Amino acid sequence: LVIGELIMDHYVLCQTLGKSGKEPLMMFLHRSKEQYAGGALANVKHISDFCKSVTLLTMLGENKEYISFIKIKICCPRRGNQ
């Protein structure tokens, strides 16, 4: 049994374009976005490599916006991270 917080990690990959002409700001070009299941779910994925059965007890929040992503990661963890 793993009890813990489920964390959704979001990575936005960008290319640096340089400094803005008039303002002291850096400019970036959005390339891609990746999403990873972290926190307690990452631990469950590692433990499942050498345990037959693992149970995760966590909170998903009121909106449950990541429920389908989490189910894919639990049921088919070898599919990749996107």
PDB file of N, CA and C in Angstrom:
ATOM      1  N   LEU A   1       0.851  -1.179   0.000  1.00  0.00           N
ATOM      2  CA  LEU A   1       0.000   0.000   0.000  1.00  0.00           C
ATOM      3  C   LEU A   1       0.893   1.236   0.000  1.00  0.00           C
ATOM      4  N   VAL A   2       0.666   2.114  -0.960  1.00  0.00           N
ATOM      5  CA  VAL A   2       1.369   3.397  -1.027  1.00  0.00           C
ATOM      6  C   VAL A   2       0.347   4.491  -0.766  1.00  0.00           C
ATOM      7  N   ILE A   3       0.605   5.300   0.253  1.00  0.00           N
ATOM      8  CA  ILE A   3      -0.259   6.432   0.583  1.00  0.00           C
ATOM      9  C   ILE A   3       0.551   7.694   0.316  1.00  0.00           C
ATOM     10  N   GLY A   4       0.044   8.550  -0.548  1.00  0.00           N
ATOM     11  CA  GLY A   4       0.803   9.753  -0.845  1.00  0.00           C
ATOM     12  C   GLY A   4       0.096  10.670  -1.814  1.00  0.00           C
ATOM     13  N   GLU A   5       0.767  11.767  -2.079  1.00  0.00           N
ATOM     14  CA  GLU A   5       0.221  12.806  -2.948  1.00  0.00           C
ATOM     15  C   GLU A   5       0.602  12.518  -4.399  1.00  0.00           C
ATOM     16  N   LEU A   6      -0.378  12.588  -5.265  1.00  0.00           N
ATOM     17  CA  LEU A   6      -0.154  12.432  -6.683  1.00  0.00           C
ATOM     18  C   LEU A   6       0.168  13.808  -7.263  1.00  0.00           C
ATOM     19  N   ILE A   7       1.255  13.907  -7.992  1.00  0.00           N
ATOM     20  CA  ILE A   7       1.685  15.189  -8.550  1.00  0.00           C
ATOM     21  C   ILE A   7       1.728  15.069 -10.069  1.00  0.00           C
ATOM     22  N   MET A   8       1.110  16.014 -10.755  1.00  0.00           N
ATOM     23  CA  MET A   8       1.178  16.046 -12.212  1.00  0.00           C
ATOM     24  C   MET A   8       2.266  17.038 -12.601  1.00  0.00           C
ATOM     25  N   ASP A   9       3.309  16.534 -13.250  1.00  0.00           N
ATOM     26  CA  ASP A   9       4.414  17.380 -13.696  1.00  0.00           C
ATOM     27  C   ASP A   9       4.176  17.775 -15.152  1.00  0.00           C
ATOM     28  N   HIS A  10       4.290  19.068 -15.424  1.00  0.00           N
ATOM     29  CA  HIS A  10       4.122  19.586 -16.778  1.00  0.00           C
ATOM     30  C   HIS A  10       5.425  20.255 -17.193  1.00  0.00           C
ATOM     31  N   TYR A  11       5.952  19.851 -18.329  1.00  0.00           N
ATOM     32  CA  TYR A  11       7.176  20.439 -18.863  1.00  0.00           C
ATOM     33  C   TYR A  11       6.837  21.107 -20.186  1.00  0.00           C
ATOM     34  N   VAL A  12       7.214  22.366 -20.312  1.00  0.00           N
ATOM     35  CA  VAL A  12       7.039  23.102 -21.556  1.00  0.00           C
ATOM     36  C   VAL A  12       8.435  23.320 -22.122  1.00  0.00           C
ATOM     37  N   LEU A  13       8.680  22.723 -23.289  1.00  0.00           N
ATOM     38  CA  LEU A  13       9.993  22.806 -23.918  1.00  0.00           C
ATOM     39  C   LEU A  13       9.992  23.960 -24.911  1.00  0.00           C
ATOM     40  N   CYS A  14      10.968  24.850 -24.757  1.00  0.00           N
ATOM     41  CA  CYS A  14      11.030  26.066 -25.559  1.00  0.00           C
ATOM     42  C   CYS A  14      12.415  26.246 -26.164  1.00  0.00           C
ATOM     43  N   GLN A  15      12.462  27.070 -27.196  1.00  0.00           N
ATOM     44  CA  GLN A  15      13.724  27.480 -27.798  1.00  0.00           C
ATOM     45  C   GLN A  15      13.918  28.962 -27.465  1.00  0.00           C
ATOM     46  N   THR A  16      15.120  29.317 -27.044  1.00  0.00           N
ATOM     47  CA  THR A  16      15.409  30.708 -26.716  1.00  0.00           C
ATOM     48  C   THR A  16      15.557  31.516 -27.997  1.00  0.00           C
ATOM     49  N   LEU A  17      14.833  32.620 -28.082  1.00  0.00           N
ATOM     50  CA  LEU A  17      14.933  33.508 -29.233  1.00  0.00           C
ATOM     51  C   LEU A  17      15.850  34.692 -28.951  1.00  0.00           C
ATOM     52  N   GLY A  18      16.021  35.016 -27.693  1.00  0.00           N
ATOM     53  CA  GLY A  18      16.888  36.139 -27.323  1.00  0.00           C
ATOM     54  C   GLY A  18      16.132  37.180 -26.525  1.00  0.00           C
ATOM     55  N   LYS A  19      16.799  38.310 -26.315  1.00  0.00           N
ATOM     56  CA  LYS A  19      16.229  39.390 -25.524  1.00  0.00           C
ATOM     57  C   LYS A  19      15.299  40.231 -26.396  1.00  0.00           C
ATOM     58  N   SER A  20      14.212  40.676 -25.778  1.00  0.00           N
ATOM     59  CA  SER A  20      13.277  41.565 -26.449  1.00  0.00           C
ATOM     60  C   SER A  20      13.981  42.873 -26.783  1.00  0.00           C
ATOM     61  N   GLY A  21      13.575  43.506 -27.888  1.00  0.00           N
ATOM     62  CA  GLY A  21      14.239  44.733 -28.335  1.00  0.00           C
ATOM     63  C   GLY A  21      14.138  45.895 -27.379  1.00  0.00           C
ATOM     64  N   LYS A  22      12.974  46.126 -26.787  1.00  0.00           N
ATOM     65  CA  LYS A  22      12.775  47.316 -25.966  1.00  0.00           C
ATOM     66  C   LYS A  22      12.699  47.022 -24.474  1.00  0.00           C
ATOM     67  N   GLU A  23      12.335  45.832 -24.102  1.00  0.00           N
ATOM     68  CA  GLU A  23      12.138  45.485 -22.696  1.00  0.00           C
ATOM     69  C   GLU A  23      13.198  44.476 -22.241  1.00  0.00           C
ATOM     70  N   PRO A  24      13.512  44.468 -20.949  1.00  0.00           N
ATOM     71  CA  PRO A  24      14.490  43.492 -20.432  1.00  0.00           C
ATOM     72  C   PRO A  24      13.856  42.111 -20.198  1.00  0.00           C
ATOM     73  N   LEU A  25      13.294  41.535 -21.256  1.00  0.00           N
ATOM     74  CA  LEU A  25      12.622  40.250 -21.182  1.00  0.00           C
ATOM     75  C   LEU A  25      13.225  39.286 -22.196  1.00  0.00           C
ATOM     76  N   MET A  26      13.259  38.005 -21.827  1.00  0.00           N
ATOM     77  CA  MET A  26      13.706  36.981 -22.763  1.00  0.00           C
ATOM     78  C   MET A  26      12.507  36.510 -23.578  1.00  0.00           C
ATOM     79  N   MET A  27      12.734  36.209 -24.839  1.00  0.00           N
ATOM     80  CA  MET A  27      11.693  35.723 -25.732  1.00  0.00           C
ATOM     81  C   MET A  27      11.938  34.237 -26.008  1.00  0.00           C
ATOM     82  N   PHE A  28      10.843  33.443 -26.027  1.00  0.00           N
ATOM     83  CA  PHE A  28      10.942  32.006 -26.237  1.00  0.00           C
ATOM     84  C   PHE A  28       9.922  31.565 -27.280  1.00  0.00           C
ATOM     85  N   LEU A  29      10.256  30.476 -27.980  1.00  0.00           N
ATOM     86  CA  LEU A  29       9.347  29.857 -28.931  1.00  0.00           C
ATOM     87  C   LEU A  29       8.923  28.513 -28.360  1.00  0.00           C
ATOM     88  N   HIS A  30       7.612  28.326 -28.193  1.00  0.00           N
ATOM     89  CA  HIS A  30       7.076  27.082 -27.643  1.00  0.00           C
ATOM     90  C   HIS A  30       7.315  25.950 -28.633  1.00  0.00           C
ATOM     91  N   ARG A  31       7.945  24.861 -28.180  1.00  0.00           N
ATOM     92  CA  ARG A  31       8.224  23.707 -29.040  1.00  0.00           C
ATOM     93  C   ARG A  31       7.275  22.544 -28.765  1.00  0.00           C
ATOM     94  N   SER A  32       7.163  22.163 -27.506  1.00  0.00           N
ATOM     95  CA  SER A  32       6.286  21.041 -27.160  1.00  0.00           C
ATOM     96  C   SER A  32       5.972  21.072 -25.675  1.00  0.00           C
ATOM     97  N   LYS A  33       5.011  20.230 -25.296  1.00  0.00           N
ATOM     98  CA  LYS A  33       4.614  20.126 -23.893  1.00  0.00           C
ATOM     99  C   LYS A  33       4.548  18.651 -23.539  1.00  0.00           C
ATOM    100  N   GLU A  34       5.072  18.292 -22.370  1.00  0.00           N
ATOM    101  CA  GLU A  34       5.047  16.916 -21.900  1.00  0.00           C
ATOM    102  C   GLU A  34       4.416  16.873 -20.519  1.00  0.00           C
ATOM    103  N   GLN A  35       3.745  15.787 -20.233  1.00  0.00           N
ATOM    104  CA  GLN A  35       3.070  15.613 -18.953  1.00  0.00           C
ATOM    105  C   GLN A  35       3.505  14.292 -18.346  1.00  0.00           C
ATOM    106  N   TYR A  36       3.865  14.312 -17.079  1.00  0.00           N
ATOM    107  CA  TYR A  36       4.318  13.120 -16.381  1.00  0.00           C
ATOM    108  C   TYR A  36       3.539  12.966 -15.076  1.00  0.00           C
ATOM    109  N   ALA A  37       3.293  11.735 -14.700  1.00  0.00           N
ATOM    110  CA  ALA A  37       2.675  11.450 -13.408  1.00  0.00           C
ATOM    111  C   ALA A  37       3.799  11.275 -12.399  1.00  0.00           C
ATOM    112  N   GLY A  38       3.826  12.124 -11.404  1.00  0.00           N
ATOM    113  CA  GLY A  38       4.887  12.082 -10.405  1.00  0.00           C
ATOM    114  C   GLY A  38       4.353  11.818  -9.018  1.00  0.00           C
ATOM    115  N   GLY A  39       5.160  12.111  -8.032  1.00  0.00           N
ATOM    116  CA  GLY A  39       4.762  11.914  -6.643  1.00  0.00           C
ATOM    117  C   GLY A  39       4.560  10.450  -6.326  1.00  0.00           C
ATOM    118  N   ALA A  40       3.477  10.131  -5.649  1.00  0.00           N
ATOM    119  CA  ALA A  40       3.193   8.762  -5.219  1.00  0.00           C
ATOM    120  C   ALA A  40       3.002   7.817  -6.402  1.00  0.00           C
ATOM    121  N   LEU A  41       2.461   8.312  -7.515  1.00  0.00           N
ATOM    122  CA  LEU A  41       2.266   7.442  -8.674  1.00  0.00           C
ATOM    123  C   LEU A  41       3.603   7.006  -9.271  1.00  0.00           C
ATOM    124  N   ALA A  42       4.598   7.861  -9.247  1.00  0.00           N
ATOM    125  CA  ALA A  42       5.939   7.475  -9.707  1.00  0.00           C
ATOM    126  C   ALA A  42       6.487   6.361  -8.821  1.00  0.00           C
ATOM    127  N   ASN A  43       6.260   6.465  -7.523  1.00  0.00           N
ATOM    128  CA  ASN A  43       6.703   5.406  -6.604  1.00  0.00           C
ATOM    129  C   ASN A  43       5.987   4.093  -6.893  1.00  0.00           C
ATOM    130  N   VAL A  44       4.689   4.155  -7.158  1.00  0.00           N
ATOM    131  CA  VAL A  44       3.910   2.951  -7.463  1.00  0.00           C
ATOM    132  C   VAL A  44       4.444   2.294  -8.736  1.00  0.00           C
ATOM    133  N   LYS A  45       4.773   3.107  -9.746  1.00  0.00           N
ATOM    134  CA  LYS A  45       5.299   2.563 -10.989  1.00  0.00           C
ATOM    135  C   LYS A  45       6.620   1.824 -10.746  1.00  0.00           C
ATOM    136  N   HIS A  46       7.486   2.366  -9.894  1.00  0.00           N
ATOM    137  CA  HIS A  46       8.764   1.710  -9.590  1.00  0.00           C
ATOM    138  C   HIS A  46       8.555   0.436  -8.769  1.00  0.00           C
ATOM    139  N   ILE A  47       7.693   0.502  -7.783  1.00  0.00           N
ATOM    140  CA  ILE A  47       7.425  -0.664  -6.929  1.00  0.00           C
ATOM    141  C   ILE A  47       6.793  -1.793  -7.739  1.00  0.00           C
ATOM    142  N   SER A  48       5.944  -1.458  -8.712  1.00  0.00           N
ATOM    143  CA  SER A  48       5.270  -2.486  -9.507  1.00  0.00           C
ATOM    144  C   SER A  48       6.236  -3.302 -10.366  1.00  0.00           C
ATOM    145  N   ASP A  49       7.467  -2.819 -10.538  1.00  0.00           N
ATOM    146  CA  ASP A  49       8.468  -3.582 -11.284  1.00  0.00           C
ATOM    147  C   ASP A  49       8.875  -4.857 -10.551  1.00  0.00           C
ATOM    148  N   PHE A  50       8.768  -4.866  -9.212  1.00  0.00           N
ATOM    149  CA  PHE A  50       9.194  -6.050  -8.469  1.00  0.00           C
ATOM    150  C   PHE A  50       8.142  -6.581  -7.491  1.00  0.00           C
ATOM    151  N   CYS A  51       6.951  -5.992  -7.494  1.00  0.00           N
ATOM    152  CA  CYS A  51       5.849  -6.495  -6.664  1.00  0.00           C
ATOM    153  C   CYS A  51       4.685  -6.902  -7.563  1.00  0.00           C
ATOM    154  N   LYS A  52       4.017  -7.969  -7.169  1.00  0.00           N
ATOM    155  CA  LYS A  52       2.897  -8.474  -7.966  1.00  0.00           C
ATOM    156  C   LYS A  52       1.684  -7.546  -7.913  1.00  0.00           C
ATOM    157  N   SER A  53       1.432  -6.943  -6.760  1.00  0.00           N
ATOM    158  CA  SER A  53       0.262  -6.096  -6.585  1.00  0.00           C
ATOM    159  C   SER A  53       0.641  -4.872  -5.749  1.00  0.00           C
ATOM    160  N   VAL A  54       0.220  -3.699  -6.201  1.00  0.00           N
ATOM    161  CA  VAL A  54       0.470  -2.443  -5.487  1.00  0.00           C
ATOM    162  C   VAL A  54      -0.841  -1.669  -5.443  1.00  0.00           C
ATOM    163  N   THR A  55      -1.168  -1.109  -4.281  1.00  0.00           N
ATOM    164  CA  THR A  55      -2.363  -0.295  -4.114  1.00  0.00           C
ATOM    165  C   THR A  55      -1.944   1.130  -3.815  1.00  0.00           C
ATOM    166  N   LEU A  56      -2.568   2.094  -4.483  1.00  0.00           N
ATOM    167  CA  LEU A  56      -2.284   3.508  -4.279  1.00  0.00           C
ATOM    168  C   LEU A  56      -3.503   4.170  -3.655  1.00  0.00           C
ATOM    169  N   LEU A  57      -3.288   4.876  -2.553  1.00  0.00           N
ATOM    170  CA  LEU A  57      -4.330   5.657  -1.897  1.00  0.00           C
ATOM    171  C   LEU A  57      -3.919   7.121  -1.988  1.00  0.00           C
ATOM    172  N   THR A  58      -4.698   7.913  -2.737  1.00  0.00           N
ATOM    173  CA  THR A  58      -4.364   9.317  -2.953  1.00  0.00           C
ATOM    174  C   THR A  58      -5.643  10.109  -3.189  1.00  0.00           C
ATOM    175  N   MET A  59      -5.512  11.405  -3.327  1.00  0.00           N
ATOM    176  CA  MET A  59      -6.642  12.289  -3.634  1.00  0.00           C
ATOM    177  C   MET A  59      -6.498  12.762  -5.075  1.00  0.00           C
ATOM    178  N   LEU A  60      -7.631  12.895  -5.772  1.00  0.00           N
ATOM    179  CA  LEU A  60      -7.597  13.363  -7.155  1.00  0.00           C
ATOM    180  C   LEU A  60      -8.116  14.790  -7.310  1.00  0.00           C
ATOM    181  N   GLY A  61      -8.742  15.319  -6.320  1.00  0.00           N
ATOM    182  CA  GLY A  61      -9.321  16.653  -6.435  1.00  0.00           C
ATOM    183  C   GLY A  61     -10.768  16.590  -6.884  1.00  0.00           C
ATOM    184  N   GLU A  62     -11.432  17.716  -6.861  1.00  0.00           N
ATOM    185  CA  GLU A  62     -12.859  17.768  -7.182  1.00  0.00           C
ATOM    186  C   GLU A  62     -13.142  17.575  -8.668  1.00  0.00           C
ATOM    187  N   ASN A  63     -12.308  18.115  -9.540  1.00  0.00           N
ATOM    188  CA  ASN A  63     -12.593  18.091 -10.971  1.00  0.00           C
ATOM    189  C   ASN A  63     -12.182  16.782 -11.650  1.00  0.00           C
ATOM    190  N   LYS A  64     -11.276  16.055 -11.060  1.00  0.00           N
ATOM    191  CA  LYS A  64     -10.780  14.779 -11.620  1.00  0.00           C
ATOM    192  C   LYS A  64     -10.363  14.932 -13.077  1.00  0.00           C
ATOM    193  N   GLU A  65      -9.701  16.042 -13.400  1.00  0.00           N
ATOM    194  CA  GLU A  65      -9.338  16.321 -14.791  1.00  0.00           C
ATOM    195  C   GLU A  65      -8.257  15.391 -15.338  1.00  0.00           C
ATOM    196  N   TYR A  66      -7.492  14.742 -14.474  1.00  0.00           N
ATOM    197  CA  TYR A  66      -6.410  13.869 -14.933  1.00  0.00           C
ATOM    198  C   TYR A  66      -6.734  12.385 -14.784  1.00  0.00           C
ATOM    199  N   ILE A  67      -7.970  12.037 -14.510  1.00  0.00           N
ATOM    200  CA  ILE A  67      -8.327  10.652 -14.210  1.00  0.00           C
ATOM    201  C   ILE A  67      -7.998   9.704 -15.364  1.00  0.00           C
ATOM    202  N   SER A  68      -8.284  10.086 -16.603  1.00  0.00           N
ATOM    203  CA  SER A  68      -7.995   9.189 -17.734  1.00  0.00           C
ATOM    204  C   SER A  68      -6.496   9.032 -17.924  1.00  0.00           C
ATOM    205  N   PHE A  69      -5.730  10.109 -17.767  1.00  0.00           N
ATOM    206  CA  PHE A  69      -4.275  10.035 -17.877  1.00  0.00           C
ATOM    207  C   PHE A  69      -3.703   9.107 -16.806  1.00  0.00           C
ATOM    208  N   ILE A  70      -4.207   9.209 -15.592  1.00  0.00           N
ATOM    209  CA  ILE A  70      -3.730   8.382 -14.482  1.00  0.00           C
ATOM    210  C   ILE A  70      -4.083   6.919 -14.715  1.00  0.00           C
ATOM    211  N   LYS A  71      -5.275   6.647 -15.187  1.00  0.00           N
ATOM    212  CA  LYS A  71      -5.669   5.260 -15.451  1.00  0.00           C
ATOM    213  C   LYS A  71      -4.772   4.622 -16.510  1.00  0.00           C
ATOM    214  N   ILE A  72      -4.415   5.376 -17.531  1.00  0.00           N
ATOM    215  CA  ILE A  72      -3.500   4.860 -18.550  1.00  0.00           C
ATOM    216  C   ILE A  72      -2.153   4.536 -17.924  1.00  0.00           C
ATOM    217  N   LYS A  73      -1.668   5.398 -17.062  1.00  0.00           N
ATOM    218  CA  LYS A  73      -0.369   5.179 -16.426  1.00  0.00           C
ATOM    219  C   LYS A  73      -0.397   3.985 -15.484  1.00  0.00           C
ATOM    220  N   ILE A  74      -1.517   3.739 -14.821  1.00  0.00           N
ATOM    221  CA  ILE A  74      -1.613   2.605 -13.899  1.00  0.00           C
ATOM    222  C   ILE A  74      -1.811   1.298 -14.672  1.00  0.00           C
ATOM    223  N   CYS A  75      -2.680   1.320 -15.663  1.00  0.00           N
ATOM    224  CA  CYS A  75      -3.007   0.093 -16.403  1.00  0.00           C
ATOM    225  C   CYS A  75      -1.935  -0.293 -17.412  1.00  0.00           C
ATOM    226  N   CYS A  76      -1.366   0.680 -18.066  1.00  0.00           N
ATOM    227  CA  CYS A  76      -0.398   0.431 -19.136  1.00  0.00           C
ATOM    228  C   CYS A  76       0.814   1.327 -18.967  1.00  0.00           C
ATOM    229  N   PRO A  77       1.628   1.151 -17.920  1.00  0.00           N
ATOM    230  CA  PRO A  77       2.713   2.084 -17.625  1.00  0.00           C
ATOM    231  C   PRO A  77       3.835   2.084 -18.648  1.00  0.00           C
ATOM    232  N   ARG A  78       3.906   1.124 -19.535  1.00  0.00           N
ATOM    233  CA  ARG A  78       5.000   1.056 -20.505  1.00  0.00           C
ATOM    234  C   ARG A  78       4.722   1.839 -21.792  1.00  0.00           C
ATOM    235  N   ARG A  79       3.564   2.504 -21.882  1.00  0.00           N
ATOM    236  CA  ARG A  79       3.187   3.224 -23.102  1.00  0.00           C
ATOM    237  C   ARG A  79       3.996   4.469 -23.361  1.00  0.00           C
ATOM    238  N   GLY A  80       4.641   5.017 -22.395  1.00  0.00           N
ATOM    239  CA  GLY A  80       5.349   6.271 -22.564  1.00  0.00           C
ATOM    240  C   GLY A  80       4.717   7.344 -21.710  1.00  0.00           C
ATOM    241  N   ASN A  81       5.263   8.556 -21.786  1.00  0.00           N
ATOM    242  CA  ASN A  81       4.861   9.618 -20.879  1.00  0.00           C
ATOM    243  C   ASN A  81       4.021  10.699 -21.521  1.00  0.00           C
ATOM    244  N   GLN A  82       3.614  10.565 -22.757  1.00  0.00           N
ATOM    245  CA  GLN A  82       2.841  11.639 -23.374  1.00  0.00           C
ATOM    246  C   GLN A  82       1.426  11.243 -23.610  1.00  0.00           C
TER     247      GLN A  82
END
